[in-house]
Amino acid sequence: MDTNKLERFSRRNNFRIVGIPVTENENCEESVKEKVFPLFKDAPDLHIERCHRDGRAPPGRSPHILVRCLSYKAKSFIMRYRRSALQGQSFFIVDDLTRLDLAEKKKWSSKVKDLYERGVKLTFSGGKWRDATGKPFEF
């Protein structure tokens, strides 16, 4: 098994919150529980295993909040309903991708955007762009 696959598996329960400003004496876990989790109505038990700011931020932006859920079920619920739950919010949620997966996603992003405008919807999962049936998409 390659190291990227192992790293991907270790990030299975993780997601990133982008766009929440840093506050003085911040407790990331409390911020997520107060600002994010209430937006997900009918959610299963959303429990956080770990939560912290991650890395340096680009100028004028806040570092991402990296959240590790206690269960994959909770994380997948958040990822499935994030678009509708976060409508009108100043922040958004993304999957916690490995460096290799992020590079692969960015490599094809302009083609994916063009395909979307033509009615082809793709998702990025398991290090590959996939069609509606879940099969890897060939560019």
C-alpha atoms as a PDB file:
ATOM      1  CA  MET A   1       0.000   0.000   0.000  1.00  0.00           C
ATOM      2  CA  ASP A   2       1.458   3.380  -0.909  1.00  0.00           C
ATOM      3  CA  THR A   3       2.008   6.168   1.614  1.00  0.00           C
ATOM      4  CA  ASN A   4      -0.532   8.510  -0.004  1.00  0.00           C
ATOM      5  CA  LYS A   5      -3.236   5.872   0.445  1.00  0.00           C
ATOM      6  CA  LEU A   6      -2.272   5.434   4.097  1.00  0.00           C
ATOM      7  CA  GLU A   7      -2.276   9.189   4.657  1.00  0.00           C
ATOM      8  CA  ARG A   8      -5.664   9.452   2.925  1.00  0.00           C
ATOM      9  CA  PHE A   9      -7.033   6.800   5.279  1.00  0.00           C
ATOM     10  CA  SER A  10      -5.674   8.633   8.343  1.00  0.00           C
ATOM     11  CA  ARG A  11      -7.539  11.780   7.190  1.00  0.00           C
ATOM     12  CA  ARG A  12     -10.801   9.898   6.678  1.00  0.00           C
ATOM     13  CA  ASN A  13     -12.634  11.615   9.546  1.00  0.00           C
ATOM     14  CA  ASN A  14     -11.146  15.085   8.895  1.00  0.00           C
ATOM     15  CA  PHE A  15     -12.505  18.192   7.216  1.00  0.00           C
ATOM     16  CA  ARG A  16     -11.339  21.800   7.010  1.00  0.00           C
ATOM     17  CA  ILE A  17     -13.284  24.976   7.712  1.00  0.00           C
ATOM     18  CA  VAL A  18     -12.086  27.908   5.632  1.00  0.00           C
ATOM     19  CA  GLY A  19     -12.945  31.544   6.325  1.00  0.00           C
ATOM     20  CA  ILE A  20     -13.596  31.777  10.066  1.00  0.00           C
ATOM     21  CA  PRO A  21     -11.504  34.699  11.384  1.00  0.00           C
ATOM     22  CA  VAL A  22      -9.056  34.115  14.235  1.00  0.00           C
ATOM     23  CA  THR A  23     -10.148  35.601  17.573  1.00  0.00           C
ATOM     24  CA  GLU A  24      -8.105  36.356  20.668  1.00  0.00           C
ATOM     25  CA  ASN A  25      -7.934  33.459  23.167  1.00  0.00           C
ATOM     26  CA  GLU A  26      -9.725  31.295  20.623  1.00  0.00           C
ATOM     27  CA  ASN A  27     -10.941  27.806  21.420  1.00  0.00           C
ATOM     28  CA  CYS A  28     -11.389  26.205  17.993  1.00  0.00           C
ATOM     29  CA  GLU A  29     -13.570  23.391  19.272  1.00  0.00           C
ATOM     30  CA  GLU A  30     -16.006  25.837  20.896  1.00  0.00           C
ATOM     31  CA  SER A  31     -16.040  27.992  17.735  1.00  0.00           C
ATOM     32  CA  VAL A  32     -16.988  24.976  15.619  1.00  0.00           C
ATOM     33  CA  LYS A  33     -19.652  23.833  18.085  1.00  0.00           C
ATOM     34  CA  GLU A  34     -21.180  27.341  18.244  1.00  0.00           C
ATOM     35  CA  LYS A  35     -20.849  28.535  14.627  1.00  0.00           C
ATOM     36  CA  VAL A  36     -20.867  25.423  12.449  1.00  0.00           C
ATOM     37  CA  PHE A  37     -22.624  22.442  14.027  1.00  0.00           C
ATOM     38  CA  PRO A  38     -25.934  24.285  14.736  1.00  0.00           C
ATOM     39  CA  LEU A  39     -26.294  24.853  10.970  1.00  0.00           C
ATOM     40  CA  PHE A  40     -26.599  21.087  10.408  1.00  0.00           C
ATOM     41  CA  LYS A  41     -30.134  20.280  11.474  1.00  0.00           C
ATOM     42  CA  ASP A  42     -31.074  16.598  11.927  1.00  0.00           C
ATOM     43  CA  ALA A  43     -27.390  15.680  12.179  1.00  0.00           C
ATOM     44  CA  PRO A  44     -26.272  12.518  13.932  1.00  0.00           C
ATOM     45  CA  ASP A  45     -24.205  13.052  17.053  1.00  0.00           C
ATOM     46  CA  LEU A  46     -21.471  15.431  15.925  1.00  0.00           C
ATOM     47  CA  HIS A  47     -18.547  14.847  18.248  1.00  0.00           C
ATOM     48  CA  ILE A  48     -15.085  16.300  17.755  1.00  0.00           C
ATOM     49  CA  GLU A  49     -12.014  14.212  18.487  1.00  0.00           C
ATOM     50  CA  ARG A  50      -9.525  17.037  17.767  1.00  0.00           C
ATOM     51  CA  CYS A  51      -9.766  20.554  16.426  1.00  0.00           C
ATOM     52  CA  HIS A  52      -7.113  23.219  15.782  1.00  0.00           C
ATOM     53  CA  ARG A  53      -5.873  25.887  13.378  1.00  0.00           C
ATOM     54  CA  ASP A  54      -3.610  24.453  10.706  1.00  0.00           C
ATOM     55  CA  GLY A  55      -0.611  26.015   9.019  1.00  0.00           C
ATOM     56  CA  ARG A  56       0.171  29.530   7.940  1.00  0.00           C
ATOM     57  CA  ALA A  57      -2.505  31.618   6.343  1.00  0.00           C
ATOM     58  CA  PRO A  58      -2.105  33.477   3.081  1.00  0.00           C
ATOM     59  CA  PRO A  59      -1.867  37.265   3.631  1.00  0.00           C
ATOM     60  CA  GLY A  60      -5.226  38.726   4.625  1.00  0.00           C
ATOM     61  CA  ARG A  61      -6.790  35.342   5.444  1.00  0.00           C
ATOM     62  CA  SER A  62      -7.177  33.153   8.500  1.00  0.00           C
ATOM     63  CA  PRO A  63      -5.620  29.688   8.791  1.00  0.00           C
ATOM     64  CA  HIS A  64      -8.022  26.801   8.209  1.00  0.00           C
ATOM     65  CA  ILE A  65      -9.599  25.042  11.168  1.00  0.00           C
ATOM     66  CA  LEU A  66      -8.840  21.336  10.917  1.00  0.00           C
ATOM     67  CA  VAL A  67     -11.568  19.208  12.513  1.00  0.00           C
ATOM     68  CA  ARG A  68     -11.368  15.481  13.206  1.00  0.00           C
ATOM     69  CA  CYS A  69     -14.758  13.923  13.915  1.00  0.00           C
ATOM     70  CA  LEU A  70     -15.084  10.999  16.259  1.00  0.00           C
ATOM     71  CA  SER A  71     -16.940   9.016  13.580  1.00  0.00           C
ATOM     72  CA  TYR A  72     -16.815   8.801   9.808  1.00  0.00           C
ATOM     73  CA  LYS A  73     -20.625   8.853   9.804  1.00  0.00           C
ATOM     74  CA  ALA A  74     -20.627  12.386  11.263  1.00  0.00           C
ATOM     75  CA  LYS A  75     -17.984  13.608   8.810  1.00  0.00           C
ATOM     76  CA  SER A  76     -19.802  12.165   5.791  1.00  0.00           C
ATOM     77  CA  PHE A  77     -23.069  13.790   6.958  1.00  0.00           C
ATOM     78  CA  ILE A  78     -21.340  17.172   7.136  1.00  0.00           C
ATOM     79  CA  MET A  79     -19.754  16.742   3.704  1.00  0.00           C
ATOM     80  CA  ARG A  80     -23.043  15.619   2.142  1.00  0.00           C
ATOM     81  CA  TYR A  81     -25.140  18.524   3.473  1.00  0.00           C
ATOM     82  CA  ARG A  82     -22.533  21.308   3.663  1.00  0.00           C
ATOM     83  CA  ARG A  83     -23.767  23.176   0.584  1.00  0.00           C
ATOM     84  CA  SER A  84     -27.343  23.587   1.822  1.00  0.00           C
ATOM     85  CA  ALA A  85     -26.386  24.101   5.479  1.00  0.00           C
ATOM     86  CA  LEU A  86     -23.792  26.798   4.807  1.00  0.00           C
ATOM     87  CA  GLN A  87     -25.766  28.887   2.309  1.00  0.00           C
ATOM     88  CA  GLY A  88     -25.265  32.571   3.102  1.00  0.00           C
ATOM     89  CA  GLN A  89     -22.347  31.941   5.473  1.00  0.00           C
ATOM     90  CA  SER A  90     -18.961  33.655   5.150  1.00  0.00           C
ATOM     91  CA  PHE A  91     -17.069  30.357   5.546  1.00  0.00           C
ATOM     92  CA  PHE A  92     -17.086  26.997   3.812  1.00  0.00           C
ATOM     93  CA  ILE A  93     -16.075  23.373   4.438  1.00  0.00           C
ATOM     94  CA  VAL A  94     -13.701  21.268   2.343  1.00  0.00           C
ATOM     95  CA  ASP A  95     -12.337  17.743   2.626  1.00  0.00           C
ATOM     96  CA  ASP A  96      -8.887  17.396   4.205  1.00  0.00           C
ATOM     97  CA  LEU A  97      -6.882  16.182   1.193  1.00  0.00           C
ATOM     98  CA  THR A  98      -3.298  14.948   1.056  1.00  0.00           C
ATOM     99  CA  ARG A  99      -0.782  17.070  -0.871  1.00  0.00           C
ATOM    100  CA  LEU A 100      -0.816  14.623  -3.798  1.00  0.00           C
ATOM    101  CA  ASP A 101      -4.617  14.510  -3.920  1.00  0.00           C
ATOM    102  CA  LEU A 102      -4.853  18.303  -3.717  1.00  0.00           C
ATOM    103  CA  ALA A 103      -2.396  18.627  -6.612  1.00  0.00           C
ATOM    104  CA  GLU A 104      -4.424  16.113  -8.661  1.00  0.00           C
ATOM    105  CA  LYS A 105      -7.653  17.972  -7.905  1.00  0.00           C
ATOM    106  CA  LYS A 106      -6.155  21.337  -8.895  1.00  0.00           C
ATOM    107  CA  LYS A 107      -4.583  19.890 -12.056  1.00  0.00           C
ATOM    108  CA  TRP A 108      -7.990  19.191 -13.593  1.00  0.00           C
ATOM    109  CA  SER A 109     -10.104  21.923 -11.946  1.00  0.00           C
ATOM    110  CA  SER A 110     -10.425  24.108 -15.071  1.00  0.00           C
ATOM    111  CA  LYS A 111     -11.513  21.102 -17.180  1.00  0.00           C
ATOM    112  CA  VAL A 112     -13.989  20.085 -14.462  1.00  0.00           C
ATOM    113  CA  LYS A 113     -15.426  23.614 -14.470  1.00  0.00           C
ATOM    114  CA  ASP A 114     -15.867  23.492 -18.269  1.00  0.00           C
ATOM    115  CA  LEU A 115     -17.544  20.084 -18.031  1.00  0.00           C
ATOM    116  CA  TYR A 116     -19.876  21.358 -15.281  1.00  0.00           C
ATOM    117  CA  GLU A 117     -20.983  24.221 -17.544  1.00  0.00           C
ATOM    118  CA  ARG A 118     -21.880  21.564 -20.138  1.00  0.00           C
ATOM    119  CA  GLY A 119     -23.918  19.565 -17.607  1.00  0.00           C
ATOM    120  CA  VAL A 120     -21.338  16.966 -16.537  1.00  0.00           C
ATOM    121  CA  LYS A 121     -21.055  16.797 -12.750  1.00  0.00           C
ATOM    122  CA  LEU A 122     -17.924  15.286 -11.231  1.00  0.00           C
ATOM    123  CA  THR A 123     -16.804  14.776  -7.637  1.00  0.00           C
ATOM    124  CA  PHE A 124     -13.318  14.273  -6.259  1.00  0.00           C
ATOM    125  CA  SER A 125     -12.944  11.181  -4.106  1.00  0.00           C
ATOM    126  CA  GLY A 126     -10.174   8.709  -3.405  1.00  0.00           C
ATOM    127  CA  GLY A 127      -7.622  10.775  -5.303  1.00  0.00           C
ATOM    128  CA  LYS A 128      -9.621  10.747  -8.555  1.00  0.00           C
ATOM    129  CA  TRP A 129     -12.308  12.761 -10.303  1.00  0.00           C
ATOM    130  CA  ARG A 130     -15.423  10.573 -10.515  1.00  0.00           C
ATOM    131  CA  ASP A 131     -18.645  10.684 -12.509  1.00  0.00           C
ATOM    132  CA  ALA A 132     -22.175  10.340 -11.110  1.00  0.00           C
ATOM    133  CA  THR A 133     -21.823   6.537 -10.941  1.00  0.00           C
ATOM    134  CA  GLY A 134     -18.616   6.776  -8.893  1.00  0.00           C
ATOM    135  CA  LYS A 135     -16.353   5.505 -11.657  1.00  0.00           C
ATOM    136  CA  PRO A 136     -13.060   7.355 -12.281  1.00  0.00           C
ATOM    137  CA  PHE A 137     -13.435   9.944 -15.033  1.00  0.00           C
ATOM    138  CA  GLU A 138     -10.939   9.893 -17.908  1.00  0.00           C
ATOM    139  CA  PHE A 139      -9.849  13.310 -19.184  1.00  0.00           C
END
